[in-house]
Amino acid sequence: MIEQAKIERLLRMIQILSGPRVYKVPELCKELEMSRRTFYRYIETFKDAGFVVERKSGGVFRIAQMSPSCSNLENLIYFSKEEACLVNRLIDHLDQTNSLKAGLHRKLASIYDSTSVRNYVDNQSNAENIDALSKAARYKKQVILRNYESGHSRQVRDRHVEPFSFTSNFIGVWAYDLEDGRNKVFKISRIGETKLLNDPWTAEAKHHEEPTDAFGMSGEPVETIVLRMSSLAKNLLLEEHPLAEKDVRQDGDGWILETGIAKAQGAGRFVLGLSEEVEILQGEELRKYIGTVVQNHIIPKYTNNN
């Protein structure tokens, strides 16, 4: 991801180059605390993104003025992340031989990390749900999540919620559950349909995101786990749980994951699915969870067969 400081400089530079005050290059570099080399690199980034950048006399650069009907720069260039996902998905649907496809991806990636959003929306149902949830969050409206399948009880039923934020990789949406009065992460893939209501939020003061661990479990970390993994396990970990990448390091011919977990279930499912490829070096709660699962599923089965 682009660093926060770089994003702020890029946005500030857009504001300056499209605003009423005229800066010469040395003045602008001083104002934004950047080198001339960085300045010209950013200018090329703007051009790649589709901006018309003009060089005036006296070494002054300006983003070309738009027509009065398009004077709001935010409306011209701003995409929320969820909108970027949808745009990226539409680009992906172009024929592989389309000569415009690579350029469009490059322009989108100049503002957002296109590869990181490419897989967030994988089917039409998810795209429609993300669109509805995005509108609900933006306009502070309630929604009904039709036929939502719980990951714990496996019950399928409607949920009446107030969505207010997406998880970092758009796998889930943070929402306040009006039925039981708690903030939860609802997985996008488990939503049958999102019905956008006209009812405004009633519990905005209670909206709160909890930390999310590398395995998608929300809550404050209860312990730090250390896993030794084979290359196969490492690759599968990063494919299924990309948030874990920052906590993975190479160790000889293997890999180490050292990360805090909010609940043992997420990491436990990963370890159980790759028991021959993963070794637990640290994590008592994780060991207890795995021991309970093994005892409940293997020993009764063994007993019944004898």
C-alpha atoms as a PDB file:
ATOM      1  CA  MET A   1       0.000   0.000   0.000  1.00  0.00           C
ATOM      2  CA  ILE A   2       1.052   3.578  -0.598  1.00  0.00           C
ATOM      3  CA  GLU A   3       2.361   5.137   2.610  1.00  0.00           C
ATOM      4  CA  GLN A   4       0.090   7.624   4.367  1.00  0.00           C
ATOM      5  CA  ALA A   5       2.592  10.464   3.959  1.00  0.00           C
ATOM      6  CA  LYS A   6       2.804   9.892   0.221  1.00  0.00           C
ATOM      7  CA  ILE A   7      -0.980   9.886  -0.128  1.00  0.00           C
ATOM      8  CA  GLU A   8      -1.222  13.159   1.776  1.00  0.00           C
ATOM      9  CA  ARG A   9       1.478  14.763  -0.394  1.00  0.00           C
ATOM     10  CA  LEU A  10      -0.196  13.588  -3.599  1.00  0.00           C
ATOM     11  CA  LEU A  11      -3.575  14.954  -2.535  1.00  0.00           C
ATOM     12  CA  ARG A  12      -2.054  18.227  -1.349  1.00  0.00           C
ATOM     13  CA  MET A  13      -0.207  18.576  -4.644  1.00  0.00           C
ATOM     14  CA  ILE A  14      -3.454  18.034  -6.578  1.00  0.00           C
ATOM     15  CA  GLN A  15      -5.129  20.726  -4.484  1.00  0.00           C
ATOM     16  CA  ILE A  16      -2.320  23.196  -5.129  1.00  0.00           C
ATOM     17  CA  LEU A  17      -2.047  22.534  -8.863  1.00  0.00           C
ATOM     18  CA  SER A  18      -5.797  22.896  -9.337  1.00  0.00           C
ATOM     19  CA  GLY A  19      -6.272  25.802  -6.896  1.00  0.00           C
ATOM     20  CA  PRO A  20      -6.236  29.553  -7.454  1.00  0.00           C
ATOM     21  CA  ARG A  21      -2.723  30.242  -6.150  1.00  0.00           C
ATOM     22  CA  VAL A  22       0.214  29.812  -8.527  1.00  0.00           C
ATOM     23  CA  TYR A  23       3.401  28.171  -7.273  1.00  0.00           C
ATOM     24  CA  LYS A  24       6.698  27.880  -9.082  1.00  0.00           C
ATOM     25  CA  VAL A  25       8.403  24.494  -8.824  1.00  0.00           C
ATOM     26  CA  PRO A  26      10.941  25.493  -6.115  1.00  0.00           C
ATOM     27  CA  GLU A  27       8.177  27.075  -4.012  1.00  0.00           C
ATOM     28  CA  LEU A  28       5.948  24.028  -4.336  1.00  0.00           C
ATOM     29  CA  CYS A  29       8.797  21.636  -3.495  1.00  0.00           C
ATOM     30  CA  LYS A  30       9.497  23.660  -0.350  1.00  0.00           C
ATOM     31  CA  GLU A  31       5.806  23.777   0.574  1.00  0.00           C
ATOM     32  CA  LEU A  32       5.437  19.984   0.222  1.00  0.00           C
ATOM     33  CA  GLU A  33       8.924  19.135   1.523  1.00  0.00           C
ATOM     34  CA  MET A  34       9.897  17.145  -1.564  1.00  0.00           C
ATOM     35  CA  SER A  35      12.768  17.106  -4.030  1.00  0.00           C
ATOM     36  CA  ARG A  36      12.457  18.275  -7.630  1.00  0.00           C
ATOM     37  CA  ARG A  37      12.949  14.679  -8.730  1.00  0.00           C
ATOM     38  CA  THR A  38       9.964  13.578  -6.642  1.00  0.00           C
ATOM     39  CA  PHE A  39       7.937  16.513  -7.983  1.00  0.00           C
ATOM     40  CA  TYR A  40       8.464  15.494 -11.620  1.00  0.00           C
ATOM     41  CA  ARG A  41       7.790  11.838 -10.773  1.00  0.00           C
ATOM     42  CA  TYR A  42       4.442  12.858  -9.267  1.00  0.00           C
ATOM     43  CA  ILE A  43       3.644  14.900 -12.377  1.00  0.00           C
ATOM     44  CA  GLU A  44       4.131  11.773 -14.482  1.00  0.00           C
ATOM     45  CA  THR A  45       1.909   9.842 -12.053  1.00  0.00           C
ATOM     46  CA  PHE A  46      -0.866  12.419 -12.549  1.00  0.00           C
ATOM     47  CA  LYS A  47      -0.536  12.121 -16.324  1.00  0.00           C
ATOM     48  CA  ASP A  48      -0.709   8.316 -16.130  1.00  0.00           C
ATOM     49  CA  ALA A  49      -3.869   8.673 -14.056  1.00  0.00           C
ATOM     50  CA  GLY A  50      -5.527  10.716 -16.812  1.00  0.00           C
ATOM     51  CA  PHE A  51      -4.998  14.286 -15.569  1.00  0.00           C
ATOM     52  CA  VAL A  52      -4.236  16.997 -18.105  1.00  0.00           C
ATOM     53  CA  VAL A  53      -1.160  18.748 -16.688  1.00  0.00           C
ATOM     54  CA  GLU A  54      -0.065  21.950 -18.408  1.00  0.00           C
ATOM     55  CA  ARG A  55       3.285  23.688 -18.118  1.00  0.00           C
ATOM     56  CA  LYS A  56       2.877  27.478 -18.107  1.00  0.00           C
ATOM     57  CA  SER A  57       5.487  30.162 -18.644  1.00  0.00           C
ATOM     58  CA  GLY A  58       7.866  30.731 -15.764  1.00  0.00           C
ATOM     59  CA  GLY A  59       8.091  27.020 -14.911  1.00  0.00           C
ATOM     60  CA  VAL A  60       4.592  26.842 -13.438  1.00  0.00           C
ATOM     61  CA  PHE A  61       2.585  23.614 -13.648  1.00  0.00           C
ATOM     62  CA  ARG A  62      -1.199  23.520 -13.533  1.00  0.00           C
ATOM     63  CA  ILE A  63      -3.882  20.847 -13.720  1.00  0.00           C
ATOM     64  CA  ALA A  64      -6.051  22.002 -16.610  1.00  0.00           C
ATOM     65  CA  GLN A  65      -9.348  23.623 -15.682  1.00  0.00           C
ATOM     66  CA  MET A  66     -12.465  21.569 -16.347  1.00  0.00           C
ATOM     67  CA  SER A  67     -15.827  22.734 -17.617  1.00  0.00           C
ATOM     68  CA  PRO A  68     -18.132  24.433 -15.070  1.00  0.00           C
ATOM     69  CA  SER A  69     -20.351  21.343 -14.993  1.00  0.00           C
ATOM     70  CA  CYS A  70     -17.363  19.326 -13.780  1.00  0.00           C
ATOM     71  CA  SER A  71     -15.771  21.893 -11.488  1.00  0.00           C
ATOM     72  CA  ASN A  72     -15.824  19.727  -8.362  1.00  0.00           C
ATOM     73  CA  LEU A  73     -12.474  17.942  -8.408  1.00  0.00           C
ATOM     74  CA  GLU A  74     -13.663  15.395  -5.832  1.00  0.00           C
ATOM     75  CA  ASN A  75     -16.436  14.268  -8.188  1.00  0.00           C
ATOM     76  CA  LEU A  76     -13.936  13.889 -11.002  1.00  0.00           C
ATOM     77  CA  ILE A  77     -11.200  11.838  -9.356  1.00  0.00           C
ATOM     78  CA  TYR A  78     -12.457  10.358  -6.101  1.00  0.00           C
ATOM     79  CA  PHE A  79     -13.288   6.694  -5.749  1.00  0.00           C
ATOM     80  CA  SER A  80     -14.006   5.114  -2.418  1.00  0.00           C
ATOM     81  CA  LYS A  81     -12.168   1.810  -2.038  1.00  0.00           C
ATOM     82  CA  GLU A  82     -15.338  -0.168  -2.626  1.00  0.00           C
ATOM     83  CA  GLU A  83     -16.004   1.831  -5.807  1.00  0.00           C
ATOM     84  CA  ALA A  84     -12.433   1.148  -6.902  1.00  0.00           C
ATOM     85  CA  CYS A  85     -13.127  -2.559  -6.419  1.00  0.00           C
ATOM     86  CA  LEU A  86     -16.137  -2.383  -8.699  1.00  0.00           C
ATOM     87  CA  VAL A  87     -14.312  -0.352 -11.348  1.00  0.00           C
ATOM     88  CA  ASN A  88     -11.426  -2.793 -11.229  1.00  0.00           C
ATOM     89  CA  ARG A  89     -13.833  -5.711 -11.612  1.00  0.00           C
ATOM     90  CA  LEU A  90     -15.383  -4.140 -14.700  1.00  0.00           C
ATOM     91  CA  ILE A  91     -11.916  -3.668 -16.187  1.00  0.00           C
ATOM     92  CA  ASP A  92     -11.111  -7.338 -15.499  1.00  0.00           C
ATOM     93  CA  HIS A  93     -14.160  -8.335 -17.548  1.00  0.00           C
ATOM     94  CA  LEU A  94     -12.696  -6.785 -20.684  1.00  0.00           C
ATOM     95  CA  ASP A  95     -11.370  -9.251 -23.231  1.00  0.00           C
ATOM     96  CA  GLN A  96      -7.740 -10.197 -22.619  1.00  0.00           C
ATOM     97  CA  THR A  97      -6.825  -8.901 -26.081  1.00  0.00           C
ATOM     98  CA  ASN A  98      -8.292  -5.440 -25.426  1.00  0.00           C
ATOM     99  CA  SER A  99      -5.415  -2.971 -25.783  1.00  0.00           C
ATOM    100  CA  LEU A 100      -7.003  -0.553 -23.296  1.00  0.00           C
ATOM    101  CA  LYS A 101      -7.131  -3.049 -20.417  1.00  0.00           C
ATOM    102  CA  ALA A 102      -3.551  -2.693 -19.170  1.00  0.00           C
ATOM    103  CA  GLY A 103      -3.703   1.096 -19.364  1.00  0.00           C
ATOM    104  CA  LEU A 104      -6.935   1.271 -17.403  1.00  0.00           C
ATOM    105  CA  HIS A 105      -5.518  -0.988 -14.689  1.00  0.00           C
ATOM    106  CA  ARG A 106      -2.405   1.188 -14.539  1.00  0.00           C
ATOM    107  CA  LYS A 107      -4.418   4.377 -14.146  1.00  0.00           C
ATOM    108  CA  LEU A 108      -6.532   2.912 -11.386  1.00  0.00           C
ATOM    109  CA  ALA A 109      -3.407   1.597  -9.671  1.00  0.00           C
ATOM    110  CA  SER A 110      -1.854   5.066  -9.729  1.00  0.00           C
ATOM    111  CA  ILE A 111      -4.385   6.063  -7.044  1.00  0.00           C
ATOM    112  CA  TYR A 112      -5.137   2.661  -5.505  1.00  0.00           C
ATOM    113  CA  ASP A 113      -3.192  -0.581  -5.286  1.00  0.00           C
ATOM    114  CA  SER A 114      -5.069  -2.263  -8.124  1.00  0.00           C
ATOM    115  CA  THR A 115      -3.716  -5.733  -7.427  1.00  0.00           C
ATOM    116  CA  SER A 116      -4.939  -5.515  -3.849  1.00  0.00           C
ATOM    117  CA  VAL A 117      -8.522  -4.699  -4.865  1.00  0.00           C
ATOM    118  CA  ARG A 118      -8.736  -7.015  -7.861  1.00  0.00           C
ATOM    119  CA  ASN A 119      -9.926 -10.070  -5.969  1.00  0.00           C
ATOM    120  CA  TYR A 120     -12.163  -8.355  -3.409  1.00  0.00           C
ATOM    121  CA  VAL A 121     -15.244  -8.663  -5.620  1.00  0.00           C
ATOM    122  CA  ASP A 122     -15.459 -12.145  -7.121  1.00  0.00           C
ATOM    123  CA  ASN A 123     -19.058 -12.433  -8.292  1.00  0.00           C
ATOM    124  CA  GLN A 124     -22.068 -10.317  -9.224  1.00  0.00           C
ATOM    125  CA  SER A 125     -23.829 -10.950  -5.916  1.00  0.00           C
ATOM    126  CA  ASN A 126     -20.860  -9.657  -3.932  1.00  0.00           C
ATOM    127  CA  ALA A 127     -20.604  -6.615  -6.199  1.00  0.00           C
ATOM    128  CA  GLU A 128     -24.254  -5.715  -5.647  1.00  0.00           C
ATOM    129  CA  ASN A 129     -23.968  -6.245  -1.883  1.00  0.00           C
ATOM    130  CA  ILE A 130     -20.848  -4.097  -1.605  1.00  0.00           C
ATOM    131  CA  ASP A 131     -22.537  -1.365  -3.629  1.00  0.00           C
ATOM    132  CA  ALA A 132     -25.622  -1.378  -1.360  1.00  0.00           C
ATOM    133  CA  LEU A 133     -23.542  -1.513   1.832  1.00  0.00           C
ATOM    134  CA  SER A 134     -21.359   1.327   0.584  1.00  0.00           C
ATOM    135  CA  LYS A 135     -24.403   3.515   0.013  1.00  0.00           C
ATOM    136  CA  ALA A 136     -25.796   2.614   3.436  1.00  0.00           C
ATOM    137  CA  ALA A 137     -22.531   3.599   5.144  1.00  0.00           C
ATOM    138  CA  ARG A 138     -22.192   6.798   3.137  1.00  0.00           C
ATOM    139  CA  TYR A 139     -25.756   7.992   3.704  1.00  0.00           C
ATOM    140  CA  LYS A 140     -26.095   6.515   7.228  1.00  0.00           C
ATOM    141  CA  LYS A 141     -28.948   4.146   6.419  1.00  0.00           C
ATOM    142  CA  GLN A 142     -29.982   0.810   7.893  1.00  0.00           C
ATOM    143  CA  VAL A 143     -30.053  -2.398   5.837  1.00  0.00           C
ATOM    144  CA  ILE A 144     -31.444  -5.908   6.002  1.00  0.00           C
ATOM    145  CA  LEU A 145     -28.897  -8.641   5.281  1.00  0.00           C
ATOM    146  CA  ARG A 146     -31.120 -11.259   3.670  1.00  0.00           C
ATOM    147  CA  ASN A 147     -30.382 -14.949   4.349  1.00  0.00           C
ATOM    148  CA  TYR A 148     -27.137 -14.292   6.197  1.00  0.00           C
ATOM    149  CA  GLU A 149     -25.347 -17.516   7.185  1.00  0.00           C
ATOM    150  CA  SER A 150     -23.703 -17.340  10.604  1.00  0.00           C
ATOM    151  CA  GLY A 151     -20.174 -18.717  10.764  1.00  0.00           C
ATOM    152  CA  HIS A 152     -20.736 -20.034  14.303  1.00  0.00           C
ATOM    153  CA  SER A 153     -24.298 -21.371  14.497  1.00  0.00           C
ATOM    154  CA  ARG A 154     -24.677 -21.990  10.749  1.00  0.00           C
ATOM    155  CA  GLN A 155     -28.168 -20.513  11.029  1.00  0.00           C
ATOM    156  CA  VAL A 156     -29.448 -18.709   7.944  1.00  0.00           C
ATOM    157  CA  ARG A 157     -31.664 -15.737   8.719  1.00  0.00           C
ATOM    158  CA  ASP A 158     -32.117 -12.017   8.081  1.00  0.00           C
ATOM    159  CA  ARG A 159     -30.085  -9.461  10.059  1.00  0.00           C
ATOM    160  CA  HIS A 160     -31.143  -5.844  10.679  1.00  0.00           C
ATOM    161  CA  VAL A 161     -27.950  -3.782  10.886  1.00  0.00           C
ATOM    162  CA  GLU A 162     -26.289  -0.396  10.483  1.00  0.00           C
ATOM    163  CA  PRO A 163     -23.175  -0.844   8.272  1.00  0.00           C
ATOM    164  CA  PHE A 164     -20.457   1.749   8.825  1.00  0.00           C
ATOM    165  CA  SER A 165     -17.101   0.430   7.576  1.00  0.00           C
ATOM    166  CA  PHE A 166     -15.490  -2.303   5.496  1.00  0.00           C
ATOM    167  CA  THR A 167     -12.623  -4.498   6.615  1.00  0.00           C
ATOM    168  CA  SER A 168      -9.231  -3.721   5.099  1.00  0.00           C
ATOM    169  CA  ASN A 169      -9.610  -6.313   2.352  1.00  0.00           C
ATOM    170  CA  PHE A 170     -13.380  -6.066   1.740  1.00  0.00           C
ATOM    171  CA  ILE A 171     -13.998  -9.598   2.929  1.00  0.00           C
ATOM    172  CA  GLY A 172     -16.393  -8.254   5.541  1.00  0.00           C
ATOM    173  CA  VAL A 173     -18.370  -5.217   6.637  1.00  0.00           C
ATOM    174  CA  TRP A 174     -18.465  -3.722  10.122  1.00  0.00           C
ATOM    175  CA  ALA A 175     -22.059  -3.182  11.220  1.00  0.00           C
ATOM    176  CA  TYR A 176     -24.025  -2.587  14.394  1.00  0.00           C
ATOM    177  CA  ASP A 177     -26.506  -5.433  14.922  1.00  0.00           C
ATOM    178  CA  LEU A 178     -29.736  -3.788  16.054  1.00  0.00           C
ATOM    179  CA  GLU A 179     -31.116  -7.080  17.356  1.00  0.00           C
ATOM    180  CA  ASP A 180     -28.443  -7.861  19.949  1.00  0.00           C
ATOM    181  CA  GLY A 181     -26.800  -4.438  20.264  1.00  0.00           C
ATOM    182  CA  ARG A 182     -23.253  -5.355  19.245  1.00  0.00           C
ATOM    183  CA  ASN A 183     -20.766  -4.385  16.561  1.00  0.00           C
ATOM    184  CA  LYS A 184     -19.864  -7.331  14.339  1.00  0.00           C
ATOM    185  CA  VAL A 185     -18.051  -8.191  11.133  1.00  0.00           C
ATOM    186  CA  PHE A 186     -20.425  -9.726   8.598  1.00  0.00           C
ATOM    187  CA  LYS A 187     -18.727 -11.677   5.798  1.00  0.00           C
ATOM    188  CA  ILE A 188     -19.750 -10.368   2.369  1.00  0.00           C
ATOM    189  CA  SER A 189     -19.762 -13.871   0.850  1.00  0.00           C
ATOM    190  CA  ARG A 190     -22.376 -15.051   3.378  1.00  0.00           C
ATOM    191  CA  ILE A 191     -24.910 -12.346   2.531  1.00  0.00           C
ATOM    192  CA  GLY A 192     -27.706 -13.538   0.259  1.00  0.00           C
ATOM    193  CA  GLU A 193     -28.951 -10.040  -0.569  1.00  0.00           C
ATOM    194  CA  THR A 194     -28.615  -6.558   0.920  1.00  0.00           C
ATOM    195  CA  LYS A 195     -31.835  -4.552   1.163  1.00  0.00           C
ATOM    196  CA  LEU A 196     -31.162  -0.848   1.596  1.00  0.00           C
ATOM    197  CA  LEU A 197     -33.736   0.816   3.869  1.00  0.00           C
ATOM    198  CA  ASN A 198     -34.773   4.456   4.157  1.00  0.00           C
ATOM    199  CA  ASP A 199     -34.461   4.265   7.948  1.00  0.00           C
ATOM    200  CA  PRO A 200     -31.564   6.383   9.294  1.00  0.00           C
ATOM    201  CA  TRP A 201     -29.021   5.119  11.813  1.00  0.00           C
ATOM    202  CA  THR A 202     -30.219   5.182  15.414  1.00  0.00           C
ATOM    203  CA  ALA A 203     -27.075   3.919  17.184  1.00  0.00           C
ATOM    204  CA  GLU A 204     -24.228   5.845  15.556  1.00  0.00           C
ATOM    205  CA  ALA A 205     -22.643   6.655  18.931  1.00  0.00           C
ATOM    206  CA  LYS A 206     -22.188   2.916  19.519  1.00  0.00           C
ATOM    207  CA  HIS A 207     -20.471   2.187  16.195  1.00  0.00           C
ATOM    208  CA  HIS A 208     -16.961   0.937  16.854  1.00  0.00           C
ATOM    209  CA  GLU A 209     -14.427  -1.183  14.969  1.00  0.00           C
ATOM    210  CA  GLU A 210     -12.468  -3.686  17.007  1.00  0.00           C
ATOM    211  CA  PRO A 211      -8.971  -4.808  15.982  1.00  0.00           C
ATOM    212  CA  THR A 212      -8.917  -7.683  13.475  1.00  0.00           C
ATOM    213  CA  ASP A 213      -6.181 -10.305  13.594  1.00  0.00           C
ATOM    214  CA  ALA A 214      -4.441 -11.878  10.608  1.00  0.00           C
ATOM    215  CA  PHE A 215      -7.049 -14.647  10.472  1.00  0.00           C
ATOM    216  CA  GLY A 216     -10.024 -12.296  10.354  1.00  0.00           C
ATOM    217  CA  MET A 217     -11.040 -12.693  14.005  1.00  0.00           C
ATOM    218  CA  SER A 218     -12.107  -9.428  15.673  1.00  0.00           C
ATOM    219  CA  GLY A 219     -11.283  -8.355  19.217  1.00  0.00           C
ATOM    220  CA  GLU A 220      -8.274  -7.423  21.302  1.00  0.00           C
ATOM    221  CA  PRO A 221      -5.368  -9.927  20.967  1.00  0.00           C
ATOM    222  CA  VAL A 222      -5.517 -12.627  23.655  1.00  0.00           C
ATOM    223  CA  GLU A 223      -2.080 -14.078  22.952  1.00  0.00           C
ATOM    224  CA  THR A 224       0.851 -14.093  20.557  1.00  0.00           C
ATOM    225  CA  ILE A 225       1.345 -17.261  18.541  1.00  0.00           C
ATOM    226  CA  VAL A 226       4.467 -18.438  16.743  1.00  0.00           C
ATOM    227  CA  LEU A 227       4.121 -21.002  13.951  1.00  0.00           C
ATOM    228  CA  ARG A 228       6.827 -22.693  11.909  1.00  0.00           C
ATOM    229  CA  MET A 229       5.543 -23.367   8.399  1.00  0.00           C
ATOM    230  CA  SER A 230       6.655 -25.121   5.257  1.00  0.00           C
ATOM    231  CA  SER A 231       6.699 -23.156   2.012  1.00  0.00           C
ATOM    232  CA  LEU A 232       3.376 -24.773   1.083  1.00  0.00           C
ATOM    233  CA  ALA A 233       1.782 -23.638   4.335  1.00  0.00           C
ATOM    234  CA  LYS A 234       3.228 -20.139   3.968  1.00  0.00           C
ATOM    235  CA  ASN A 235       1.871 -19.778   0.444  1.00  0.00           C
ATOM    236  CA  LEU A 236      -1.579 -20.996   1.451  1.00  0.00           C
ATOM    237  CA  LEU A 237      -1.544 -18.685   4.476  1.00  0.00           C
ATOM    238  CA  LEU A 238      -0.872 -15.613   2.341  1.00  0.00           C
ATOM    239  CA  GLU A 239      -3.458 -16.639  -0.248  1.00  0.00           C
ATOM    240  CA  GLU A 240      -6.202 -17.170   2.339  1.00  0.00           C
ATOM    241  CA  HIS A 241      -5.111 -14.582   4.924  1.00  0.00           C
ATOM    242  CA  PRO A 242      -3.154 -11.786   3.177  1.00  0.00           C
ATOM    243  CA  LEU A 243      -3.161  -9.646   6.336  1.00  0.00           C
ATOM    244  CA  ALA A 244      -0.638 -12.096   7.815  1.00  0.00           C
ATOM    245  CA  GLU A 245       2.079 -11.132   5.343  1.00  0.00           C
ATOM    246  CA  LYS A 246       3.591  -8.418   7.568  1.00  0.00           C
ATOM    247  CA  ASP A 247       4.107 -10.969  10.360  1.00  0.00           C
ATOM    248  CA  VAL A 248       5.839 -13.653   8.262  1.00  0.00           C
ATOM    249  CA  ARG A 249       9.611 -14.054   8.039  1.00  0.00           C
ATOM    250  CA  GLN A 250      11.887 -16.658   6.503  1.00  0.00           C
ATOM    251  CA  ASP A 251      13.800 -18.992   8.827  1.00  0.00           C
ATOM    252  CA  GLY A 252      16.235 -21.299   7.061  1.00  0.00           C
ATOM    253  CA  ASP A 253      14.283 -23.498   4.668  1.00  0.00           C
ATOM    254  CA  GLY A 254      11.006 -22.711   6.457  1.00  0.00           C
ATOM    255  CA  TRP A 255       8.895 -19.755   7.489  1.00  0.00           C
ATOM    256  CA  ILE A 256       7.859 -18.246  10.823  1.00  0.00           C
ATOM    257  CA  LEU A 257       4.553 -16.538  11.586  1.00  0.00           C
ATOM    258  CA  GLU A 258       4.557 -14.475  14.784  1.00  0.00           C
ATOM    259  CA  THR A 259       1.329 -12.595  15.338  1.00  0.00           C
ATOM    260  CA  GLY A 260      -1.306 -11.717  17.909  1.00  0.00           C
ATOM    261  CA  ILE A 261      -4.679 -13.468  17.697  1.00  0.00           C
ATOM    262  CA  ALA A 262      -8.049 -12.341  19.046  1.00  0.00           C
ATOM    263  CA  LYS A 263      -9.571 -15.827  19.053  1.00  0.00           C
ATOM    264  CA  ALA A 264      -8.038 -19.256  18.595  1.00  0.00           C
ATOM    265  CA  GLN A 265     -10.596 -20.439  16.036  1.00  0.00           C
ATOM    266  CA  GLY A 266      -9.118 -18.664  13.008  1.00  0.00           C
ATOM    267  CA  ALA A 267      -5.534 -19.798  13.522  1.00  0.00           C
ATOM    268  CA  GLY A 268      -6.767 -23.200  14.725  1.00  0.00           C
ATOM    269  CA  ARG A 269      -8.621 -23.928  11.508  1.00  0.00           C
ATOM    270  CA  PHE A 270      -5.525 -23.013   9.520  1.00  0.00           C
ATOM    271  CA  VAL A 271      -3.270 -25.283  11.585  1.00  0.00           C
ATOM    272  CA  LEU A 272      -5.734 -28.215  11.555  1.00  0.00           C
ATOM    273  CA  GLY A 273      -6.027 -28.027   7.784  1.00  0.00           C
ATOM    274  CA  LEU A 274      -2.236 -28.221   7.394  1.00  0.00           C
ATOM    275  CA  SER A 275      -1.220 -30.246  10.433  1.00  0.00           C
ATOM    276  CA  GLU A 276       1.745 -31.882   8.686  1.00  0.00           C
ATOM    277  CA  GLU A 277       3.021 -28.552   7.353  1.00  0.00           C
ATOM    278  CA  VAL A 278       2.727 -26.389  10.503  1.00  0.00           C
ATOM    279  CA  GLU A 279       4.347 -26.636  13.945  1.00  0.00           C
ATOM    280  CA  ILE A 280       3.124 -24.578  16.917  1.00  0.00           C
ATOM    281  CA  LEU A 281       6.141 -23.066  18.674  1.00  0.00           C
ATOM    282  CA  GLN A 282       4.135 -20.764  20.936  1.00  0.00           C
ATOM    283  CA  GLY A 283       0.451 -20.346  21.744  1.00  0.00           C
ATOM    284  CA  GLU A 284      -1.195 -22.091  24.700  1.00  0.00           C
ATOM    285  CA  GLU A 285      -4.758 -21.005  23.849  1.00  0.00           C
ATOM    286  CA  LEU A 286      -4.222 -22.212  20.292  1.00  0.00           C
ATOM    287  CA  ARG A 287      -2.974 -25.603  21.534  1.00  0.00           C
ATOM    288  CA  LYS A 288      -5.985 -25.923  23.866  1.00  0.00           C
ATOM    289  CA  TYR A 289      -8.406 -25.139  21.038  1.00  0.00           C
ATOM    290  CA  ILE A 290      -6.819 -27.695  18.721  1.00  0.00           C
ATOM    291  CA  GLY A 291      -6.741 -30.295  21.482  1.00  0.00           C
ATOM    292  CA  THR A 292     -10.464 -29.787  22.138  1.00  0.00           C
ATOM    293  CA  VAL A 293     -11.342 -30.064  18.459  1.00  0.00           C
ATOM    294  CA  VAL A 294      -9.288 -33.233  18.039  1.00  0.00           C
ATOM    295  CA  GLN A 295     -10.775 -34.815  21.153  1.00  0.00           C
ATOM    296  CA  ASN A 296     -14.367 -33.983  20.191  1.00  0.00           C
ATOM    297  CA  HIS A 297     -14.069 -35.179  16.599  1.00  0.00           C
ATOM    298  CA  ILE A 298     -11.574 -38.020  16.535  1.00  0.00           C
ATOM    299  CA  ILE A 299     -11.986 -39.852  19.850  1.00  0.00           C
ATOM    300  CA  PRO A 300     -15.812 -40.208  19.666  1.00  0.00           C
ATOM    301  CA  LYS A 301     -15.522 -41.461  16.107  1.00  0.00           C
ATOM    302  CA  TYR A 302     -12.871 -44.004  17.170  1.00  0.00           C
ATOM    303  CA  THR A 303     -15.045 -45.166  20.077  1.00  0.00           C
ATOM    304  CA  ASN A 304     -18.147 -45.603  17.923  1.00  0.00           C
ATOM    305  CA  ASN A 305     -16.242 -47.754  15.457  1.00  0.00           C
ATOM    306  CA  ASN A 306     -15.165 -50.147  18.207  1.00  0.00           C
END
